[in-house]
Amino acid sequence: MEAGVPAELTEKLNDFRMVMKGTNGPSPRCIALMGIIGKKVHCNIYEKRASVCRDFQPAWLDGEPNERCDKARLKWGLPLLIPEVWNQPDNFPKAA
């Protein structure tokens, strides 16, 4: 069984880094992201997702804001997360 991100889903960024296909352009959208943003999405390789995805924290998950999360949500027309959302999982906003 292959470990890590499947090579065919990546492309070379530079001599030292690879990126997920679809993420290195003006309107980034990871090739492994399935579904409709703002409706229902999931990562098609969640168990094998890249370290950058594993390390990314949604805003307020750990009690801290995340400007990158806010920027991504605004880009896709989604409301920003607020601290209270983590106390009410049934009322969680749609994911980017």
N, C-alpha and C. Protein backbone atom coordinates (compact mmCIF):
# COMPACT_ATOMS: atom_id res chain seq x y z
N MET A 1 0.84 -1.19 0.00
CA MET A 1 0.00 0.00 0.00
C MET A 1 0.88 1.25 0.00
N GLU A 2 0.53 2.20 -0.82
CA GLU A 2 1.27 3.44 -0.95
C GLU A 2 1.07 4.32 0.28
N ALA A 3 2.17 4.87 0.80
CA ALA A 3 2.09 5.77 1.95
C ALA A 3 2.14 7.21 1.46
N GLY A 4 1.45 8.10 2.14
CA GLY A 4 1.49 9.51 1.80
C GLY A 4 0.62 9.87 0.61
N VAL A 5 0.78 11.11 0.16
CA VAL A 5 0.00 11.64 -0.95
C VAL A 5 0.36 10.90 -2.24
N PRO A 6 -0.62 10.43 -2.99
CA PRO A 6 -0.32 9.78 -4.27
C PRO A 6 0.41 10.75 -5.21
N ALA A 7 1.53 10.32 -5.77
CA ALA A 7 2.37 11.17 -6.62
C ALA A 7 1.61 11.78 -7.79
N GLU A 8 0.65 11.05 -8.34
CA GLU A 8 -0.08 11.56 -9.50
C GLU A 8 -0.98 12.74 -9.17
N LEU A 9 -1.19 13.03 -7.90
CA LEU A 9 -1.99 14.18 -7.49
C LEU A 9 -1.14 15.40 -7.18
N THR A 10 0.17 15.31 -7.41
CA THR A 10 1.09 16.41 -7.10
C THR A 10 1.75 16.95 -8.36
N GLU A 11 2.33 18.13 -8.21
CA GLU A 11 3.15 18.71 -9.26
C GLU A 11 4.31 19.45 -8.62
N LYS A 12 5.39 19.62 -9.37
CA LYS A 12 6.60 20.25 -8.86
C LYS A 12 6.39 21.75 -8.70
N LEU A 13 6.72 22.28 -7.53
CA LEU A 13 6.69 23.72 -7.28
C LEU A 13 8.06 24.31 -7.58
N ASN A 14 9.09 23.67 -7.01
CA ASN A 14 10.48 24.07 -7.26
C ASN A 14 11.36 22.86 -7.02
N ASP A 15 12.65 23.04 -6.95
CA ASP A 15 13.57 21.91 -6.77
C ASP A 15 13.41 21.20 -5.42
N PHE A 16 12.72 21.83 -4.49
CA PHE A 16 12.63 21.28 -3.14
C PHE A 16 11.21 20.94 -2.69
N ARG A 17 10.21 21.41 -3.41
CA ARG A 17 8.83 21.24 -2.94
C ARG A 17 7.89 20.77 -4.05
N MET A 18 6.92 20.00 -3.60
CA MET A 18 5.82 19.57 -4.45
C MET A 18 4.55 20.20 -3.89
N VAL A 19 3.54 20.37 -4.72
CA VAL A 19 2.25 20.88 -4.28
C VAL A 19 1.16 19.99 -4.83
N MET A 20 0.01 20.06 -4.22
CA MET A 20 -1.14 19.33 -4.75
C MET A 20 -1.58 20.01 -6.05
N LYS A 21 -1.89 19.21 -7.05
CA LYS A 21 -2.40 19.77 -8.30
C LYS A 21 -3.62 20.63 -8.00
N GLY A 22 -3.68 21.75 -8.67
CA GLY A 22 -4.81 22.66 -8.51
C GLY A 22 -4.62 23.74 -7.47
N THR A 23 -3.56 23.66 -6.67
CA THR A 23 -3.39 24.63 -5.58
C THR A 23 -2.44 25.77 -5.91
N ASN A 24 -1.78 25.73 -7.05
CA ASN A 24 -0.76 26.72 -7.35
C ASN A 24 -1.19 27.65 -8.48
N GLY A 25 -2.40 28.15 -8.40
CA GLY A 25 -2.90 29.04 -9.43
C GLY A 25 -3.69 30.19 -8.83
N PRO A 26 -4.24 31.04 -9.69
CA PRO A 26 -4.98 32.21 -9.19
C PRO A 26 -6.27 31.86 -8.45
N SER A 27 -6.89 30.76 -8.78
CA SER A 27 -8.10 30.29 -8.07
C SER A 27 -7.84 28.87 -7.57
N PRO A 28 -7.06 28.75 -6.50
CA PRO A 28 -6.66 27.42 -6.05
C PRO A 28 -7.82 26.54 -5.60
N ARG A 29 -7.75 25.29 -6.03
CA ARG A 29 -8.70 24.27 -5.60
C ARG A 29 -7.97 22.93 -5.70
N CYS A 30 -7.74 22.33 -4.57
CA CYS A 30 -7.01 21.07 -4.51
C CYS A 30 -7.73 19.98 -5.31
N ILE A 31 -6.97 19.21 -6.04
CA ILE A 31 -7.52 18.12 -6.85
C ILE A 31 -8.22 17.07 -5.99
N ALA A 32 -7.83 16.96 -4.73
CA ALA A 32 -8.41 15.95 -3.83
C ALA A 32 -9.69 16.42 -3.14
N LEU A 33 -10.05 17.69 -3.31
CA LEU A 33 -11.25 18.23 -2.69
C LEU A 33 -12.46 17.90 -3.56
N MET A 34 -13.35 17.10 -3.04
CA MET A 34 -14.52 16.65 -3.78
C MET A 34 -15.77 17.36 -3.24
N GLY A 35 -16.69 17.67 -4.11
CA GLY A 35 -17.95 18.28 -3.71
C GLY A 35 -18.04 19.73 -4.11
N ILE A 36 -19.01 20.42 -3.53
CA ILE A 36 -19.26 21.82 -3.84
C ILE A 36 -18.97 22.64 -2.59
N ILE A 37 -18.02 23.57 -2.71
CA ILE A 37 -17.65 24.41 -1.58
C ILE A 37 -18.87 25.22 -1.13
N GLY A 38 -19.09 25.23 0.16
CA GLY A 38 -20.25 25.91 0.73
C GLY A 38 -21.47 25.02 0.83
N LYS A 39 -21.41 23.85 0.22
CA LYS A 39 -22.51 22.90 0.29
C LYS A 39 -22.07 21.66 1.07
N LYS A 40 -21.23 20.87 0.44
CA LYS A 40 -20.72 19.66 1.08
C LYS A 40 -19.42 19.27 0.37
N VAL A 41 -18.34 19.21 1.13
CA VAL A 41 -17.06 18.83 0.56
C VAL A 41 -16.37 17.81 1.44
N HIS A 42 -15.44 17.08 0.84
CA HIS A 42 -14.59 16.18 1.61
C HIS A 42 -13.28 15.99 0.86
N CYS A 43 -12.27 15.61 1.61
CA CYS A 43 -10.96 15.31 1.03
C CYS A 43 -10.97 13.85 0.59
N ASN A 44 -10.68 13.64 -0.67
CA ASN A 44 -10.70 12.30 -1.24
C ASN A 44 -9.53 11.43 -0.75
N ILE A 45 -8.51 12.06 -0.18
CA ILE A 45 -7.33 11.32 0.32
C ILE A 45 -7.07 11.68 1.78
N TYR A 46 -8.11 11.90 2.55
CA TYR A 46 -7.98 12.41 3.91
C TYR A 46 -6.91 11.68 4.73
N GLU A 47 -6.92 10.38 4.72
CA GLU A 47 -5.95 9.62 5.51
C GLU A 47 -4.52 9.78 5.00
N LYS A 48 -4.37 10.17 3.73
CA LYS A 48 -3.05 10.34 3.12
C LYS A 48 -2.75 11.81 2.82
N ARG A 49 -3.55 12.73 3.36
CA ARG A 49 -3.41 14.14 3.03
C ARG A 49 -2.02 14.67 3.39
N ALA A 50 -1.65 15.74 2.72
CA ALA A 50 -0.34 16.35 2.89
C ALA A 50 -0.17 16.96 4.29
N SER A 51 1.06 17.11 4.71
CA SER A 51 1.34 17.67 6.03
C SER A 51 0.80 19.09 6.15
N VAL A 52 0.81 19.86 5.07
CA VAL A 52 0.28 21.22 5.14
C VAL A 52 -1.21 21.20 5.48
N CYS A 53 -1.92 20.20 5.01
CA CYS A 53 -3.34 20.06 5.35
C CYS A 53 -3.51 19.58 6.79
N ARG A 54 -2.67 18.66 7.19
CA ARG A 54 -2.75 18.15 8.57
C ARG A 54 -2.46 19.25 9.59
N ASP A 55 -1.57 20.17 9.22
CA ASP A 55 -1.16 21.23 10.13
C ASP A 55 -2.09 22.44 10.13
N PHE A 56 -2.95 22.56 9.11
CA PHE A 56 -3.84 23.72 9.00
C PHE A 56 -4.96 23.64 10.03
N GLN A 57 -5.09 24.67 10.83
CA GLN A 57 -6.14 24.72 11.85
C GLN A 57 -7.22 25.71 11.44
N PRO A 58 -8.48 25.31 11.48
CA PRO A 58 -9.54 26.28 11.24
C PRO A 58 -9.50 27.37 12.32
N ALA A 59 -9.95 28.55 11.97
CA ALA A 59 -9.98 29.66 12.93
C ALA A 59 -10.73 29.25 14.19
N TRP A 60 -10.15 29.57 15.30
CA TRP A 60 -10.73 29.40 16.63
C TRP A 60 -10.81 27.97 17.14
N LEU A 61 -10.34 26.99 16.39
CA LEU A 61 -10.36 25.61 16.87
C LEU A 61 -9.59 25.48 18.18
N ASP A 62 -8.42 26.14 18.23
CA ASP A 62 -7.58 26.09 19.43
C ASP A 62 -7.67 27.38 20.24
N GLY A 63 -8.74 28.16 19.99
CA GLY A 63 -8.93 29.41 20.71
C GLY A 63 -8.21 30.58 20.08
N GLU A 64 -7.59 30.38 18.91
CA GLU A 64 -6.84 31.43 18.22
C GLU A 64 -7.42 31.68 16.84
N PRO A 65 -7.34 32.95 16.37
CA PRO A 65 -7.79 33.22 15.01
C PRO A 65 -6.80 32.62 14.00
N ASN A 66 -7.21 32.47 12.77
CA ASN A 66 -6.33 32.01 11.70
C ASN A 66 -6.64 32.84 10.46
N GLU A 67 -5.76 33.78 10.15
CA GLU A 67 -5.97 34.69 9.03
C GLU A 67 -6.08 33.94 7.70
N ARG A 68 -5.33 32.84 7.56
CA ARG A 68 -5.39 32.05 6.32
C ARG A 68 -6.76 31.39 6.16
N CYS A 69 -7.32 30.92 7.26
CA CYS A 69 -8.66 30.34 7.23
C CYS A 69 -9.68 31.42 6.85
N ASP A 70 -9.57 32.57 7.48
CA ASP A 70 -10.48 33.68 7.17
C ASP A 70 -10.39 34.05 5.69
N LYS A 71 -9.19 34.15 5.17
CA LYS A 71 -8.97 34.53 3.77
C LYS A 71 -9.61 33.50 2.83
N ALA A 72 -9.42 32.22 3.13
CA ALA A 72 -9.99 31.17 2.29
C ALA A 72 -11.52 31.20 2.32
N ARG A 73 -12.08 31.38 3.51
CA ARG A 73 -13.54 31.41 3.62
C ARG A 73 -14.11 32.61 2.88
N LEU A 74 -13.48 33.78 2.99
CA LEU A 74 -13.94 34.96 2.27
C LEU A 74 -13.85 34.76 0.76
N LYS A 75 -12.78 34.13 0.30
CA LYS A 75 -12.58 33.87 -1.12
C LYS A 75 -13.75 33.06 -1.70
N TRP A 76 -14.28 32.14 -0.90
CA TRP A 76 -15.38 31.28 -1.35
C TRP A 76 -16.75 31.77 -0.91
N GLY A 77 -16.81 33.00 -0.36
CA GLY A 77 -18.09 33.58 0.01
C GLY A 77 -18.72 32.98 1.25
N LEU A 78 -17.90 32.37 2.11
CA LEU A 78 -18.40 31.77 3.34
C LEU A 78 -18.20 32.71 4.52
N PRO A 79 -19.06 32.65 5.52
CA PRO A 79 -18.88 33.51 6.69
C PRO A 79 -17.65 33.09 7.50
N LEU A 80 -17.03 34.07 8.15
CA LEU A 80 -15.88 33.76 9.00
C LEU A 80 -16.34 32.94 10.20
N LEU A 81 -15.45 32.08 10.66
CA LEU A 81 -15.74 31.32 11.88
C LEU A 81 -15.60 32.24 13.08
N ILE A 82 -16.35 31.95 14.12
CA ILE A 82 -16.27 32.71 15.37
C ILE A 82 -16.01 31.73 16.50
N PRO A 83 -15.45 32.19 17.62
CA PRO A 83 -15.11 31.26 18.71
C PRO A 83 -16.29 30.42 19.18
N GLU A 84 -17.47 30.98 19.22
CA GLU A 84 -18.64 30.29 19.75
C GLU A 84 -19.03 29.06 18.92
N VAL A 85 -18.63 29.02 17.67
CA VAL A 85 -19.04 27.92 16.81
C VAL A 85 -18.51 26.58 17.32
N TRP A 86 -17.40 26.59 18.01
CA TRP A 86 -16.80 25.34 18.50
C TRP A 86 -17.54 24.80 19.71
N ASN A 87 -18.40 25.61 20.32
CA ASN A 87 -19.21 25.16 21.45
C ASN A 87 -20.57 24.64 21.00
N GLN A 88 -20.88 24.80 19.71
CA GLN A 88 -22.18 24.40 19.18
C GLN A 88 -21.99 23.60 17.89
N PRO A 89 -21.50 22.37 17.97
CA PRO A 89 -21.20 21.62 16.76
C PRO A 89 -22.40 21.39 15.84
N ASP A 90 -23.61 21.40 16.35
CA ASP A 90 -24.79 21.21 15.51
C ASP A 90 -25.09 22.43 14.66
N ASN A 91 -24.51 23.57 15.03
CA ASN A 91 -24.74 24.82 14.34
C ASN A 91 -23.48 25.27 13.60
N PHE A 92 -22.61 24.33 13.24
CA PHE A 92 -21.33 24.65 12.62
C PHE A 92 -21.53 25.15 11.20
N PRO A 93 -20.87 26.27 10.83
CA PRO A 93 -21.01 26.80 9.46
C PRO A 93 -20.45 25.84 8.43
N LYS A 94 -20.87 26.01 7.20
CA LYS A 94 -20.38 25.18 6.10
C LYS A 94 -18.88 25.34 5.94
N ALA A 95 -18.22 24.26 5.56
CA ALA A 95 -16.77 24.25 5.41
C ALA A 95 -16.35 24.71 4.04
N ALA A 96 -15.15 25.26 3.98
CA ALA A 96 -14.54 25.62 2.69
C ALA A 96 -13.95 24.38 2.09
